[in-house]
Amino acid sequence: MPALGLKIVTPERIVLETQVDEVMARAVDGGLSILPGHEPLVAPLAIDVLRYRVGQDEDSAAIIGGLMEVQDDQVTILSDAAELDVEIDTARANQAKEKAEAEKTQKIDKLDTQLAELALSRAIARLKAAELAKIRRKGR
């Protein structure tokens, strides 16, 4: 029986609320693996894929930055945007990636370049999560 609560929350909705065995995420200063009994923690998250495991099954979500709080065997992710891997529209994510790559090469202003890089990071995280879901479905 999983012993770790996981809740992913955005301003628009609760993306996920479930029980898991392990949560794996990338904080801005490195990777984290959270297991039951983990010490309390608050960490800023990078734009990347968050993975969570129940038994041998692993699922993922694209997390667009935010904070992870771990306390009393509860992991709470607060993010401006998050999508479960099965919710991601791969075609739309690919279009966003292509647009961000094109904008990045055309921008001269430093702020515009940084915004294009941020958009590219978001698109890549969404595509990575969708690819993990595709691989997982093939393996089942």
C-alpha atoms as a PDB file:
ATOM      1  CA  MET A   1       0.000   0.000   0.000  1.00  0.00           C
ATOM      2  CA  PRO A   2       1.511   3.356  -1.063  1.00  0.00           C
ATOM      3  CA  ALA A   3       2.401   5.510   1.912  1.00  0.00           C
ATOM      4  CA  LEU A   4       3.101   8.898   0.350  1.00  0.00           C
ATOM      5  CA  GLY A   5       0.445  11.424  -0.591  1.00  0.00           C
ATOM      6  CA  LEU A   6       1.005  13.400  -3.803  1.00  0.00           C
ATOM      7  CA  LYS A   7      -0.944  16.512  -4.705  1.00  0.00           C
ATOM      8  CA  ILE A   8      -0.212  18.683  -7.761  1.00  0.00           C
ATOM      9  CA  VAL A   9      -1.989  22.041  -7.687  1.00  0.00           C
ATOM     10  CA  THR A  10      -2.146  24.926 -10.177  1.00  0.00           C
ATOM     11  CA  PRO A  11      -4.179  28.143  -9.884  1.00  0.00           C
ATOM     12  CA  GLU A  12      -6.805  26.587 -12.177  1.00  0.00           C
ATOM     13  CA  ARG A  13      -7.203  23.125 -10.691  1.00  0.00           C
ATOM     14  CA  ILE A  14      -5.985  20.187  -8.687  1.00  0.00           C
ATOM     15  CA  VAL A  15      -4.114  18.260 -11.382  1.00  0.00           C
ATOM     16  CA  LEU A  16      -3.565  15.135  -9.296  1.00  0.00           C
ATOM     17  CA  GLU A  17      -4.280  13.881  -5.799  1.00  0.00           C
ATOM     18  CA  THR A  18      -3.236  10.294  -5.120  1.00  0.00           C
ATOM     19  CA  GLN A  19      -1.132   7.921  -3.039  1.00  0.00           C
ATOM     20  CA  VAL A  20       2.278   6.846  -4.361  1.00  0.00           C
ATOM     21  CA  ASP A  21       5.420   4.971  -3.334  1.00  0.00           C
ATOM     22  CA  GLU A  22       7.946   7.493  -4.681  1.00  0.00           C
ATOM     23  CA  VAL A  23       8.116  10.969  -6.241  1.00  0.00           C
ATOM     24  CA  MET A  24      11.050  11.984  -8.474  1.00  0.00           C
ATOM     25  CA  ALA A  25      11.497  15.607  -9.494  1.00  0.00           C
ATOM     26  CA  ARG A  26      14.173  18.047 -10.589  1.00  0.00           C
ATOM     27  CA  ALA A  27      14.691  20.989  -8.287  1.00  0.00           C
ATOM     28  CA  VAL A  28      16.582  24.010  -9.591  1.00  0.00           C
ATOM     29  CA  ASP A  29      19.736  22.678  -7.917  1.00  0.00           C
ATOM     30  CA  GLY A  30      19.415  18.961  -8.729  1.00  0.00           C
ATOM     31  CA  GLY A  31      17.287  15.844  -8.727  1.00  0.00           C
ATOM     32  CA  LEU A  32      15.134  14.740  -5.795  1.00  0.00           C
ATOM     33  CA  SER A  33      13.697  11.355  -4.910  1.00  0.00           C
ATOM     34  CA  ILE A  34      11.077  11.429  -2.169  1.00  0.00           C
ATOM     35  CA  LEU A  35      10.199   8.246  -0.296  1.00  0.00           C
ATOM     36  CA  PRO A  36       7.970   7.735   2.762  1.00  0.00           C
ATOM     37  CA  GLY A  37       9.602   9.118   5.905  1.00  0.00           C
ATOM     38  CA  HIS A  38      11.451  11.888   4.028  1.00  0.00           C
ATOM     39  CA  GLU A  39      12.507  14.873   6.113  1.00  0.00           C
ATOM     40  CA  PRO A  40      10.446  18.071   5.707  1.00  0.00           C
ATOM     41  CA  LEU A  41      11.574  20.014   2.644  1.00  0.00           C
ATOM     42  CA  VAL A  42      10.654  23.002   0.514  1.00  0.00           C
ATOM     43  CA  ALA A  43      12.410  23.205  -2.853  1.00  0.00           C
ATOM     44  CA  PRO A  44      11.953  25.332  -5.979  1.00  0.00           C
ATOM     45  CA  LEU A  45      11.326  23.117  -8.999  1.00  0.00           C
ATOM     46  CA  ALA A  46      12.828  23.390 -12.452  1.00  0.00           C
ATOM     47  CA  ILE A  47      10.713  23.178 -15.583  1.00  0.00           C
ATOM     48  CA  ASP A  48      10.833  19.456 -16.198  1.00  0.00           C
ATOM     49  CA  VAL A  49       9.070  16.127 -15.815  1.00  0.00           C
ATOM     50  CA  LEU A  50       7.922  14.956 -12.393  1.00  0.00           C
ATOM     51  CA  ARG A  51       7.684  11.188 -12.142  1.00  0.00           C
ATOM     52  CA  TYR A  52       5.777   9.197  -9.544  1.00  0.00           C
ATOM     53  CA  ARG A  53       5.701   5.483  -8.891  1.00  0.00           C
ATOM     54  CA  VAL A  54       3.094   3.121  -7.483  1.00  0.00           C
ATOM     55  CA  GLY A  55       4.506  -0.394  -7.232  1.00  0.00           C
ATOM     56  CA  GLN A  56       6.159  -1.105 -10.583  1.00  0.00           C
ATOM     57  CA  ASP A  57       4.012   1.418 -12.487  1.00  0.00           C
ATOM     58  CA  GLU A  58       5.430   4.857 -13.181  1.00  0.00           C
ATOM     59  CA  ASP A  59       3.539   7.893 -14.424  1.00  0.00           C
ATOM     60  CA  SER A  60       4.632  11.461 -15.056  1.00  0.00           C
ATOM     61  CA  ALA A  61       3.543  15.060 -15.368  1.00  0.00           C
ATOM     62  CA  ALA A  62       5.068  18.120 -16.986  1.00  0.00           C
ATOM     63  CA  ILE A  63       5.709  20.661 -14.240  1.00  0.00           C
ATOM     64  CA  ILE A  64       6.329  24.237 -15.287  1.00  0.00           C
ATOM     65  CA  GLY A  65       8.391  25.262 -12.296  1.00  0.00           C
ATOM     66  CA  GLY A  66       6.932  25.987  -8.892  1.00  0.00           C
ATOM     67  CA  LEU A  67       7.552  24.643  -5.403  1.00  0.00           C
ATOM     68  CA  MET A  68       7.643  21.211  -3.822  1.00  0.00           C
ATOM     69  CA  GLU A  69       6.778  20.868  -0.154  1.00  0.00           C
ATOM     70  CA  VAL A  70       7.357  17.599   1.693  1.00  0.00           C
ATOM     71  CA  GLN A  71       5.880  17.217   5.157  1.00  0.00           C
ATOM     72  CA  ASP A  72       4.431  14.272   7.097  1.00  0.00           C
ATOM     73  CA  ASP A  73       4.535  11.855   4.122  1.00  0.00           C
ATOM     74  CA  GLN A  74       2.695  14.373   1.939  1.00  0.00           C
ATOM     75  CA  VAL A  75       4.268  15.860  -1.214  1.00  0.00           C
ATOM     76  CA  THR A  76       2.559  18.993  -2.487  1.00  0.00           C
ATOM     77  CA  ILE A  77       3.539  20.572  -5.789  1.00  0.00           C
ATOM     78  CA  LEU A  78       2.429  24.169  -6.358  1.00  0.00           C
ATOM     79  CA  SER A  79       2.983  25.232  -9.957  1.00  0.00           C
ATOM     80  CA  ASP A  80       1.733  27.886 -12.352  1.00  0.00           C
ATOM     81  CA  ALA A  81       1.092  25.114 -14.877  1.00  0.00           C
ATOM     82  CA  ALA A  82       1.175  21.317 -14.855  1.00  0.00           C
ATOM     83  CA  GLU A  83      -0.188  18.575 -17.079  1.00  0.00           C
ATOM     84  CA  LEU A  84      -0.381  14.843 -16.607  1.00  0.00           C
ATOM     85  CA  ASP A  85       1.450  12.957 -19.346  1.00  0.00           C
ATOM     86  CA  VAL A  86      -1.818  11.536 -20.713  1.00  0.00           C
ATOM     87  CA  GLU A  87      -3.333  15.055 -21.055  1.00  0.00           C
ATOM     88  CA  ILE A  88      -0.606  16.457 -23.295  1.00  0.00           C
ATOM     89  CA  ASP A  89      -1.437  17.221 -26.910  1.00  0.00           C
ATOM     90  CA  THR A  90       1.822  16.183 -28.576  1.00  0.00           C
ATOM     91  CA  ALA A  91       1.105  17.988 -31.846  1.00  0.00           C
ATOM     92  CA  ARG A  92       0.423  21.254 -30.006  1.00  0.00           C
ATOM     93  CA  ALA A  93       3.549  20.795 -27.850  1.00  0.00           C
ATOM     94  CA  ASN A  94       5.661  20.209 -30.982  1.00  0.00           C
ATOM     95  CA  GLN A  95       4.245  23.380 -32.566  1.00  0.00           C
ATOM     96  CA  ALA A  96       5.078  25.355 -29.412  1.00  0.00           C
ATOM     97  CA  LYS A  97       8.612  23.941 -29.439  1.00  0.00           C
ATOM     98  CA  GLU A  98       9.157  24.847 -33.092  1.00  0.00           C
ATOM     99  CA  LYS A  99       7.790  28.355 -32.543  1.00  0.00           C
ATOM    100  CA  ALA A 100      10.003  28.893 -29.480  1.00  0.00           C
ATOM    101  CA  GLU A 101      13.094  27.643 -31.339  1.00  0.00           C
ATOM    102  CA  ALA A 102      12.369  30.016 -34.224  1.00  0.00           C
ATOM    103  CA  GLU A 103      11.776  32.958 -31.876  1.00  0.00           C
ATOM    104  CA  LYS A 104      14.939  32.196 -29.939  1.00  0.00           C
ATOM    105  CA  THR A 105      17.094  32.473 -33.069  1.00  0.00           C
ATOM    106  CA  GLN A 106      15.405  35.722 -34.160  1.00  0.00           C
ATOM    107  CA  LYS A 107      15.523  37.620 -30.863  1.00  0.00           C
ATOM    108  CA  ILE A 108      18.189  40.216 -30.249  1.00  0.00           C
ATOM    109  CA  ASP A 109      16.807  41.651 -27.011  1.00  0.00           C
ATOM    110  CA  LYS A 110      18.030  39.701 -23.964  1.00  0.00           C
ATOM    111  CA  LEU A 111      14.576  39.569 -22.317  1.00  0.00           C
ATOM    112  CA  ASP A 112      12.908  38.310 -25.490  1.00  0.00           C
ATOM    113  CA  THR A 113      15.597  35.645 -25.815  1.00  0.00           C
ATOM    114  CA  GLN A 114      15.027  34.537 -22.219  1.00  0.00           C
ATOM    115  CA  LEU A 115      11.259  34.376 -22.775  1.00  0.00           C
ATOM    116  CA  ALA A 116      11.789  32.259 -25.888  1.00  0.00           C
ATOM    117  CA  GLU A 117      14.117  29.942 -23.927  1.00  0.00           C
ATOM    118  CA  LEU A 118      11.473  29.618 -21.211  1.00  0.00           C
ATOM    119  CA  ALA A 119       8.807  28.736 -23.782  1.00  0.00           C
ATOM    120  CA  LEU A 120      11.182  26.176 -25.286  1.00  0.00           C
ATOM    121  CA  SER A 121      11.802  24.612 -21.843  1.00  0.00           C
ATOM    122  CA  ARG A 122       8.051  24.321 -21.260  1.00  0.00           C
ATOM    123  CA  ALA A 123       7.490  22.644 -24.623  1.00  0.00           C
ATOM    124  CA  ILE A 124      10.372  20.216 -24.088  1.00  0.00           C
ATOM    125  CA  ALA A 125       9.079  19.229 -20.621  1.00  0.00           C
ATOM    126  CA  ARG A 126       5.619  18.564 -22.058  1.00  0.00           C
ATOM    127  CA  LEU A 127       7.079  16.460 -24.892  1.00  0.00           C
ATOM    128  CA  LYS A 128       9.259  14.454 -22.472  1.00  0.00           C
ATOM    129  CA  ALA A 129       6.230  13.662 -20.300  1.00  0.00           C
ATOM    130  CA  ALA A 130       4.165  12.658 -23.340  1.00  0.00           C
ATOM    131  CA  GLU A 131       6.995  10.426 -24.595  1.00  0.00           C
ATOM    132  CA  LEU A 132       7.217   8.698 -21.204  1.00  0.00           C
ATOM    133  CA  ALA A 133       3.476   7.995 -21.370  1.00  0.00           C
ATOM    134  CA  LYS A 134       3.826   6.595 -24.889  1.00  0.00           C
ATOM    135  CA  ILE A 135       6.676   4.290 -23.827  1.00  0.00           C
ATOM    136  CA  ARG A 136       4.718   3.179 -20.775  1.00  0.00           C
ATOM    137  CA  ARG A 137       1.632   2.307 -22.855  1.00  0.00           C
ATOM    138  CA  LYS A 138       3.757   0.208 -25.246  1.00  0.00           C
ATOM    139  CA  GLY A 139       5.220  -1.718 -22.313  1.00  0.00           C
ATOM    140  CA  ARG A 140       1.820  -2.642 -20.853  1.00  0.00           C
END
